[in-house]
C-alpha cells in the first residue's frame, strides 16, 4: 500500500511537479505522470510511490480532493493491473 493513483491531473503537471506536491508527506521513491505513447501528452493521471505505507496513507487522506496546478485531483491506493 505504498503506491498511490493520482487522477484528474492538469495537462501541465509533469513528473517533477507531481513529486513536489507529495514530498511533504514523506520519502517519495517514484512519481510518474502517465503519457500517451504516440503524442507524449499527459493522460491526466499518474502514480506516486512512497518509501513507507504510513506516508502514502497520510498523503492520500490529505491530497484527495485538493487542487494541484488548478485541477481538483482524486487520490487513492493504486490497484495492481490485471493481466490481459
PDB file of N, CA and C in Angstrom:
ATOM      1  N   UNK A   1       0.825  -1.196   0.000  1.00  0.00           N
ATOM      2  CA  UNK A   1       0.000   0.000   0.000  1.00  0.00           C
ATOM      3  C   UNK A   1       0.868   1.260   0.000  1.00  0.00           C
ATOM      4  N   UNK A   2       1.964   1.206  -0.737  1.00  0.00           N
ATOM      5  CA  UNK A   2       2.847   2.363  -0.779  1.00  0.00           C
ATOM      6  C   UNK A   2       2.671   3.180  -2.046  1.00  0.00           C
ATOM      7  N   UNK A   3       1.897   2.662  -2.994  1.00  0.00           N
ATOM      8  CA  UNK A   3       1.747   3.335  -4.287  1.00  0.00           C
ATOM      9  C   UNK A   3       0.357   3.939  -4.408  1.00  0.00           C
ATOM     10  N   UNK A   4       0.332   5.230  -4.786  1.00  0.00           N
ATOM     11  CA  UNK A   4      -0.931   5.945  -4.924  1.00  0.00           C
ATOM     12  C   UNK A   4      -1.240   6.252  -6.383  1.00  0.00           C
ATOM     13  N   UNK A   5      -2.523   6.160  -6.729  1.00  0.00           N
ATOM     14  CA  UNK A   5      -3.029   6.598  -8.025  1.00  0.00           C
ATOM     15  C   UNK A   5      -3.478   8.046  -7.851  1.00  0.00           C
ATOM     16  N   UNK A   6      -3.087   8.916  -8.774  1.00  0.00           N
ATOM     17  CA  UNK A   6      -3.498  10.323  -8.724  1.00  0.00           C
ATOM     18  C   UNK A   6      -4.182  10.645 -10.051  1.00  0.00           C
ATOM     19  N   UNK A   7      -5.493  10.903  -9.990  1.00  0.00           N
ATOM     20  CA  UNK A   7      -6.268  11.181 -11.200  1.00  0.00           C
ATOM     21  C   UNK A   7      -6.719  12.629 -11.248  1.00  0.00           C
ATOM     22  N   UNK A   8      -7.129  13.062 -12.438  1.00  0.00           N
ATOM     23  CA  UNK A   8      -7.610  14.426 -12.617  1.00  0.00           C
ATOM     24  C   UNK A   8      -6.502  15.450 -12.755  1.00  0.00           C
ATOM     25  N   UNK A   9      -5.315  14.995 -13.149  1.00  0.00           N
ATOM     26  CA  UNK A   9      -4.174  15.908 -13.261  1.00  0.00           C
ATOM     27  C   UNK A   9      -4.335  16.895 -14.415  1.00  0.00           C
ATOM     28  N   UNK A  10      -3.789  18.083 -14.222  1.00  0.00           N
ATOM     29  CA  UNK A  10      -3.716  19.084 -15.276  1.00  0.00           C
ATOM     30  C   UNK A  10      -2.777  18.571 -16.375  1.00  0.00           C
ATOM     31  N   UNK A  11      -3.031  19.004 -17.614  1.00  0.00           N
ATOM     32  CA  UNK A  11      -2.128  18.613 -18.709  1.00  0.00           C
ATOM     33  C   UNK A  11      -0.726  19.173 -18.470  1.00  0.00           C
ATOM     34  N   UNK A  12      -0.637  20.221 -17.630  1.00  0.00           N
ATOM     35  CA  UNK A  12       0.645  20.878 -17.366  1.00  0.00           C
ATOM     36  C   UNK A  12       1.475  20.197 -16.281  1.00  0.00           C
ATOM     37  N   UNK A  13       0.874  19.292 -15.511  1.00  0.00           N
ATOM     38  CA  UNK A  13       1.603  18.638 -14.427  1.00  0.00           C
ATOM     39  C   UNK A  13       2.583  17.616 -15.002  1.00  0.00           C
ATOM     40  N   UNK A  14       3.852  17.715 -14.588  1.00  0.00           N
ATOM     41  CA  UNK A  14       4.855  16.743 -15.036  1.00  0.00           C
ATOM     42  C   UNK A  14       5.347  15.928 -13.837  1.00  0.00           C
ATOM     43  N   UNK A  15       6.274  15.006 -14.095  1.00  0.00           N
ATOM     44  CA  UNK A  15       6.793  14.135 -13.030  1.00  0.00           C
ATOM     45  C   UNK A  15       7.332  14.947 -11.853  1.00  0.00           C
ATOM     46  N   UNK A  16       8.067  15.998 -12.175  1.00  0.00           N
ATOM     47  CA  UNK A  16       8.679  16.833 -11.137  1.00  0.00           C
ATOM     48  C   UNK A  16       7.617  17.511 -10.270  1.00  0.00           C
ATOM     49  N   UNK A  17       6.608  18.069 -10.920  1.00  0.00           N
ATOM     50  CA  UNK A  17       5.538  18.742 -10.196  1.00  0.00           C
ATOM     51  C   UNK A  17       4.734  17.788  -9.326  1.00  0.00           C
ATOM     52  N   UNK A  18       4.525  16.587  -9.849  1.00  0.00           N
ATOM     53  CA  UNK A  18       3.799  15.563  -9.094  1.00  0.00           C
ATOM     54  C   UNK A  18       4.589  15.175  -7.842  1.00  0.00           C
ATOM     55  N   UNK A  19       5.889  14.953  -8.022  1.00  0.00           N
ATOM     56  CA  UNK A  19       6.749  14.601  -6.891  1.00  0.00           C
ATOM     57  C   UNK A  19       6.745  15.722  -5.845  1.00  0.00           C
ATOM     58  N   UNK A  20       6.892  16.965  -6.312  1.00  0.00           N
ATOM     59  CA  UNK A  20       6.948  18.109  -5.404  1.00  0.00           C
ATOM     60  C   UNK A  20       5.675  18.242  -4.572  1.00  0.00           C
ATOM     61  N   UNK A  21       4.533  17.924  -5.171  1.00  0.00           N
ATOM     62  CA  UNK A  21       3.254  18.049  -4.474  1.00  0.00           C
ATOM     63  C   UNK A  21       3.108  17.042  -3.333  1.00  0.00           C
ATOM     64  N   UNK A  22       3.824  15.918  -3.420  1.00  0.00           N
ATOM     65  CA  UNK A  22       3.663  14.849  -2.433  1.00  0.00           C
ATOM     66  C   UNK A  22       4.839  14.693  -1.478  1.00  0.00           C
ATOM     67  N   UNK A  23       5.969  15.356  -1.746  1.00  0.00           N
ATOM     68  CA  UNK A  23       7.170  15.181  -0.923  1.00  0.00           C
ATOM     69  C   UNK A  23       6.994  15.602   0.532  1.00  0.00           C
ATOM     70  N   UNK A  24       6.063  16.527   0.786  1.00  0.00           N
ATOM     71  CA  UNK A  24       5.892  16.985   2.172  1.00  0.00           C
ATOM     72  C   UNK A  24       5.309  15.901   3.079  1.00  0.00           C
ATOM     73  N   UNK A  25       4.790  14.823   2.492  1.00  0.00           N
ATOM     74  CA  UNK A  25       4.173  13.747   3.291  1.00  0.00           C
ATOM     75  C   UNK A  25       5.139  12.624   3.629  1.00  0.00           C
ATOM     76  N   UNK A  26       6.311  12.617   2.992  1.00  0.00           N
ATOM     77  CA  UNK A  26       7.289  11.560   3.274  1.00  0.00           C
ATOM     78  C   UNK A  26       8.227  11.353   2.107  1.00  0.00           C
ATOM     79  N   UNK A  27       9.038  10.299   2.200  1.00  0.00           N
ATOM     80  CA  UNK A  27      10.049   9.990   1.196  1.00  0.00           C
ATOM     81  C   UNK A  27       9.405   9.396  -0.058  1.00  0.00           C
ATOM     82  N   UNK A  28       9.374  10.190  -1.145  1.00  0.00           N
ATOM     83  CA  UNK A  28       8.816   9.732  -2.416  1.00  0.00           C
ATOM     84  C   UNK A  28       9.922   9.010  -3.189  1.00  0.00           C
ATOM     85  N   UNK A  29       9.703   7.732  -3.493  1.00  0.00           N
ATOM     86  CA  UNK A  29      10.716   6.972  -4.236  1.00  0.00           C
ATOM     87  C   UNK A  29      10.496   7.059  -5.739  1.00  0.00           C
ATOM     88  N   UNK A  30       9.246   7.357  -6.159  1.00  0.00           N
ATOM     89  CA  UNK A  30       8.960   7.478  -7.585  1.00  0.00           C
ATOM     90  C   UNK A  30       7.692   8.312  -7.791  1.00  0.00           C
ATOM     91  N   UNK A  31       7.679   9.128  -8.825  1.00  0.00           N
ATOM     92  CA  UNK A  31       6.492   9.900  -9.197  1.00  0.00           C
ATOM     93  C   UNK A  31       6.455   9.944 -10.714  1.00  0.00           C
ATOM     94  N   UNK A  32       5.374   9.448 -11.291  1.00  0.00           N
ATOM     95  CA  UNK A  32       5.306   9.319 -12.751  1.00  0.00           C
ATOM     96  C   UNK A  32       3.940   9.736 -13.268  1.00  0.00           C
ATOM     97  N   UNK A  33       3.949  10.721 -14.182  1.00  0.00           N
ATOM     98  CA  UNK A  33       2.735  11.108 -14.897  1.00  0.00           C
ATOM     99  C   UNK A  33       2.677  10.214 -16.134  1.00  0.00           C
ATOM    100  N   UNK A  34       1.543   9.555 -16.348  1.00  0.00           N
ATOM    101  CA  UNK A  34       1.411   8.642 -17.484  1.00  0.00           C
ATOM    102  C   UNK A  34       1.101   9.457 -18.746  1.00  0.00           C
ATOM    103  N   UNK A  35       1.875   9.174 -19.803  1.00  0.00           N
ATOM    104  CA  UNK A  35       1.718   9.922 -21.056  1.00  0.00           C
ATOM    105  C   UNK A  35       1.276   8.999 -22.186  1.00  0.00           C
ATOM    106  N   UNK A  36       0.652   9.608 -23.180  1.00  0.00           N
ATOM    107  CA  UNK A  36       0.225   8.876 -24.373  1.00  0.00           C
ATOM    108  C   UNK A  36       1.472   8.455 -25.157  1.00  0.00           C
ATOM    109  N   UNK A  37       1.516   7.203 -25.582  1.00  0.00           N
ATOM    110  CA  UNK A  37       2.701   6.695 -26.287  1.00  0.00           C
ATOM    111  C   UNK A  37       2.987   7.454 -27.577  1.00  0.00           C
ATOM    112  N   UNK A  38       1.929   7.843 -28.273  1.00  0.00           N
ATOM    113  CA  UNK A  38       2.129   8.461 -29.577  1.00  0.00           C
ATOM    114  C   UNK A  38       2.333   9.967 -29.519  1.00  0.00           C
ATOM    115  N   UNK A  39       1.594  10.656 -28.666  1.00  0.00           N
ATOM    116  CA  UNK A  39       1.682  12.118 -28.638  1.00  0.00           C
ATOM    117  C   UNK A  39       2.626  12.637 -27.554  1.00  0.00           C
ATOM    118  N   UNK A  40       2.892  11.806 -26.540  1.00  0.00           N
ATOM    119  CA  UNK A  40       3.741  12.235 -25.438  1.00  0.00           C
ATOM    120  C   UNK A  40       3.014  13.139 -24.452  1.00  0.00           C
ATOM    121  N   UNK A  41       1.726  13.381 -24.697  1.00  0.00           N
ATOM    122  CA  UNK A  41       0.931  14.261 -23.847  1.00  0.00           C
ATOM    123  C   UNK A  41       0.423  13.488 -22.617  1.00  0.00           C
ATOM    124  N   UNK A  42       0.287  14.202 -21.510  1.00  0.00           N
ATOM    125  CA  UNK A  42      -0.227  13.595 -20.278  1.00  0.00           C
ATOM    126  C   UNK A  42      -1.595  12.984 -20.519  1.00  0.00           C
ATOM    127  N   UNK A  43      -1.856  11.840 -19.893  1.00  0.00           N
ATOM    128  CA  UNK A  43      -3.170  11.210 -19.981  1.00  0.00           C
ATOM    129  C   UNK A  43      -4.040  11.632 -18.796  1.00  0.00           C
ATOM    130  N   UNK A  44      -3.514  12.549 -17.954  1.00  0.00           N
ATOM    131  CA  UNK A  44      -4.322  13.104 -16.875  1.00  0.00           C
ATOM    132  C   UNK A  44      -4.287  12.320 -15.572  1.00  0.00           C
ATOM    133  N   UNK A  45      -3.366  11.361 -15.488  1.00  0.00           N
ATOM    134  CA  UNK A  45      -3.211  10.628 -14.237  1.00  0.00           C
ATOM    135  C   UNK A  45      -1.771  10.182 -14.065  1.00  0.00           C
ATOM    136  N   UNK A  46      -1.448   9.788 -12.847  1.00  0.00           N
ATOM    137  CA  UNK A  46      -0.095   9.332 -12.563  1.00  0.00           C
ATOM    138  C   UNK A  46      -0.053   8.518 -11.292  1.00  0.00           C
ATOM    139  N   UNK A  47       1.150   8.157 -10.893  1.00  0.00           N
ATOM    140  CA  UNK A  47       1.360   7.339  -9.709  1.00  0.00           C
ATOM    141  C   UNK A  47       2.480   7.918  -8.862  1.00  0.00           C
ATOM    142  N   UNK A  48       2.315   7.851  -7.554  1.00  0.00           N
ATOM    143  CA  UNK A  48       3.348   8.305  -6.617  1.00  0.00           C
ATOM    144  C   UNK A  48       3.631   7.139  -5.676  1.00  0.00           C
ATOM    145  N   UNK A  49       4.902   6.774  -5.554  1.00  0.00           N
ATOM    146  CA  UNK A  49       5.295   5.680  -4.676  1.00  0.00           C
ATOM    147  C   UNK A  49       6.096   6.222  -3.499  1.00  0.00           C
ATOM    148  N   UNK A  50       5.700   5.818  -2.300  1.00  0.00           N
ATOM    149  CA  UNK A  50       6.375   6.243  -1.073  1.00  0.00           C
ATOM    150  C   UNK A  50       7.236   5.117  -0.523  1.00  0.00           C
ATOM    151  N   UNK A  51       8.244   5.495   0.276  1.00  0.00           N
ATOM    152  CA  UNK A  51       9.123   4.513   0.908  1.00  0.00           C
ATOM    153  C   UNK A  51       8.380   3.715   1.980  1.00  0.00           C
ATOM    154  N   UNK A  52       7.350   4.325   2.593  1.00  0.00           N
ATOM    155  CA  UNK A  52       6.608   3.591   3.621  1.00  0.00           C
ATOM    156  C   UNK A  52       5.098   3.827   3.493  1.00  0.00           C
ATOM    157  N   UNK A  53       4.333   2.850   3.957  1.00  0.00           N
ATOM    158  CA  UNK A  53       2.880   2.857   3.811  1.00  0.00           C
ATOM    159  C   UNK A  53       2.209   3.981   4.607  1.00  0.00           C
ATOM    160  N   UNK A  54       2.758   4.338   5.756  1.00  0.00           N
ATOM    161  CA  UNK A  54       2.147   5.387   6.582  1.00  0.00           C
ATOM    162  C   UNK A  54       2.152   6.726   5.849  1.00  0.00           C
ATOM    163  N   UNK A  55       3.244   7.035   5.177  1.00  0.00           N
ATOM    164  CA  UNK A  55       3.330   8.284   4.407  1.00  0.00           C
ATOM    165  C   UNK A  55       2.316   8.288   3.266  1.00  0.00           C
ATOM    166  N   UNK A  56       2.186   7.146   2.591  1.00  0.00           N
ATOM    167  CA  UNK A  56       1.238   7.029   1.486  1.00  0.00           C
ATOM    168  C   UNK A  56      -0.187   7.243   1.983  1.00  0.00           C
ATOM    169  N   UNK A  57      -0.504   6.673   3.127  1.00  0.00           N
ATOM    170  CA  UNK A  57      -1.839   6.798   3.705  1.00  0.00           C
ATOM    171  C   UNK A  57      -2.154   8.248   4.074  1.00  0.00           C
ATOM    172  N   UNK A  58      -1.193   8.918   4.686  1.00  0.00           N
ATOM    173  CA  UNK A  58      -1.365  10.326   5.050  1.00  0.00           C
ATOM    174  C   UNK A  58      -1.544  11.185   3.801  1.00  0.00           C
ATOM    175  N   UNK A  59      -0.716  10.940   2.796  1.00  0.00           N
ATOM    176  CA  UNK A  59      -0.787  11.708   1.552  1.00  0.00           C
ATOM    177  C   UNK A  59      -2.152  11.522   0.886  1.00  0.00           C
ATOM    178  N   UNK A  60      -2.658  10.298   0.883  1.00  0.00           N
ATOM    179  CA  UNK A  60      -3.966  10.050   0.286  1.00  0.00           C
ATOM    180  C   UNK A  60      -5.041  10.848   1.021  1.00  0.00           C
ATOM    181  N   UNK A  61      -5.018  10.780   2.345  1.00  0.00           N
ATOM    182  CA  UNK A  61      -6.022  11.486   3.140  1.00  0.00           C
ATOM    183  C   UNK A  61      -5.965  12.997   2.936  1.00  0.00           C
ATOM    184  N   UNK A  62      -4.758  13.538   2.852  1.00  0.00           N
ATOM    185  CA  UNK A  62      -4.580  14.991   2.748  1.00  0.00           C
ATOM    186  C   UNK A  62      -4.795  15.537   1.337  1.00  0.00           C
ATOM    187  N   UNK A  63      -4.390  14.775   0.315  1.00  0.00           N
ATOM    188  CA  UNK A  63      -4.405  15.292  -1.058  1.00  0.00           C
ATOM    189  C   UNK A  63      -5.691  14.987  -1.823  1.00  0.00           C
ATOM    190  N   UNK A  64      -6.432  13.952  -1.434  1.00  0.00           N
ATOM    191  CA  UNK A  64      -7.650  13.603  -2.166  1.00  0.00           C
ATOM    192  C   UNK A  64      -8.641  14.770  -2.113  1.00  0.00           C
ATOM    193  N   UNK A  65      -9.038  15.264  -3.290  1.00  0.00           N
ATOM    194  CA  UNK A  65      -9.980  16.377  -3.360  1.00  0.00           C
ATOM    195  C   UNK A  65      -9.315  17.745  -3.343  1.00  0.00           C
ATOM    196  N   UNK A  66      -8.001  17.780  -3.142  1.00  0.00           N
ATOM    197  CA  UNK A  66      -7.276  19.052  -3.144  1.00  0.00           C
ATOM    198  C   UNK A  66      -6.943  19.479  -4.573  1.00  0.00           C
ATOM    199  N   UNK A  67      -6.441  20.702  -4.703  1.00  0.00           N
ATOM    200  CA  UNK A  67      -6.118  21.245  -6.017  1.00  0.00           C
ATOM    201  C   UNK A  67      -4.614  21.164  -6.288  1.00  0.00           C
ATOM    202  N   UNK A  68      -4.275  20.728  -7.486  1.00  0.00           N
ATOM    203  CA  UNK A  68      -2.881  20.679  -7.933  1.00  0.00           C
ATOM    204  C   UNK A  68      -2.851  21.268  -9.340  1.00  0.00           C
ATOM    205  N   UNK A  69      -2.052  22.309  -9.531  1.00  0.00           N
ATOM    206  CA  UNK A  69      -1.965  23.003 -10.834  1.00  0.00           C
ATOM    207  C   UNK A  69      -3.337  23.394 -11.370  1.00  0.00           C
ATOM    208  N   UNK A  70      -4.212  23.861 -10.472  1.00  0.00           N
ATOM    209  CA  UNK A  70      -5.513  24.364 -10.895  1.00  0.00           C
ATOM    210  C   UNK A  70      -6.593  23.318 -11.117  1.00  0.00           C
ATOM    211  N   UNK A  71      -6.268  22.049 -10.878  1.00  0.00           N
ATOM    212  CA  UNK A  71      -7.252  20.976 -11.067  1.00  0.00           C
ATOM    213  C   UNK A  71      -7.466  20.231  -9.755  1.00  0.00           C
ATOM    214  N   UNK A  72      -8.715  19.830  -9.492  1.00  0.00           N
ATOM    215  CA  UNK A  72      -9.028  19.033  -8.302  1.00  0.00           C
ATOM    216  C   UNK A  72      -8.631  17.585  -8.603  1.00  0.00           C
ATOM    217  N   UNK A  73      -7.774  17.037  -7.774  1.00  0.00           N
ATOM    218  CA  UNK A  73      -7.282  15.677  -8.021  1.00  0.00           C
ATOM    219  C   UNK A  73      -7.944  14.661  -7.094  1.00  0.00           C
ATOM    220  N   UNK A  74      -8.052  13.439  -7.600  1.00  0.00           N
ATOM    221  CA  UNK A  74      -8.518  12.350  -6.751  1.00  0.00           C
ATOM    222  C   UNK A  74      -7.349  11.396  -6.525  1.00  0.00           C
ATOM    223  N   UNK A  75      -7.161  11.040  -5.255  1.00  0.00           N
ATOM    224  CA  UNK A  75      -6.012  10.225  -4.868  1.00  0.00           C
ATOM    225  C   UNK A  75      -6.523   8.975  -4.164  1.00  0.00           C
ATOM    226  N   UNK A  76      -6.008   7.822  -4.568  1.00  0.00           N
ATOM    227  CA  UNK A  76      -6.408   6.570  -3.935  1.00  0.00           C
ATOM    228  C   UNK A  76      -5.243   5.590  -3.989  1.00  0.00           C
ATOM    229  N   UNK A  77      -5.377   4.512  -3.247  1.00  0.00           N
ATOM    230  CA  UNK A  77      -4.363   3.454  -3.276  1.00  0.00           C
ATOM    231  C   UNK A  77      -4.385   2.832  -4.673  1.00  0.00           C
ATOM    232  N   UNK A  78      -3.222   2.685  -5.291  1.00  0.00           N
ATOM    233  CA  UNK A  78      -3.136   2.107  -6.635  1.00  0.00           C
ATOM    234  C   UNK A  78      -3.485   0.626  -6.588  1.00  0.00           C
ATOM    235  N   UNK A  79      -4.260   0.204  -7.574  1.00  0.00           N
ATOM    236  CA  UNK A  79      -4.628  -1.216  -7.698  1.00  0.00           C
ATOM    237  C   UNK A  79      -3.649  -1.885  -8.655  1.00  0.00           C
ATOM    238  N   UNK A  80      -3.303  -3.132  -8.375  1.00  0.00           N
ATOM    239  CA  UNK A  80      -2.457  -3.866  -9.313  1.00  0.00           C
ATOM    240  C   UNK A  80      -3.233  -4.075 -10.605  1.00  0.00           C
ATOM    241  N   UNK A  81      -2.551  -3.881 -11.729  1.00  0.00           N
ATOM    242  CA  UNK A  81      -3.205  -4.057 -13.017  1.00  0.00           C
ATOM    243  C   UNK A  81      -3.440  -5.537 -13.270  1.00  0.00           C
ATOM    244  N   UNK A  82      -4.612  -5.847 -13.742  1.00  0.00           N
ATOM    245  CA  UNK A  82      -4.933  -7.241 -14.068  1.00  0.00           C
ATOM    246  C   UNK A  82      -4.193  -7.639 -15.338  1.00  0.00           C
ATOM    247  N   UNK A  83      -3.747  -8.866 -15.378  1.00  0.00           N
ATOM    248  CA  UNK A  83      -3.091  -9.374 -16.594  1.00  0.00           C
ATOM    249  C   UNK A  83      -4.141  -9.532 -17.688  1.00  0.00           C
ATOM    250  N   UNK A  84      -3.754  -9.164 -18.920  1.00  0.00           N
ATOM    251  CA  UNK A  84      -4.723  -9.274 -20.026  1.00  0.00           C
ATOM    252  C   UNK A  84      -4.665 -10.654 -20.649  1.00  0.00           C
TER     253      UNK A  84
END
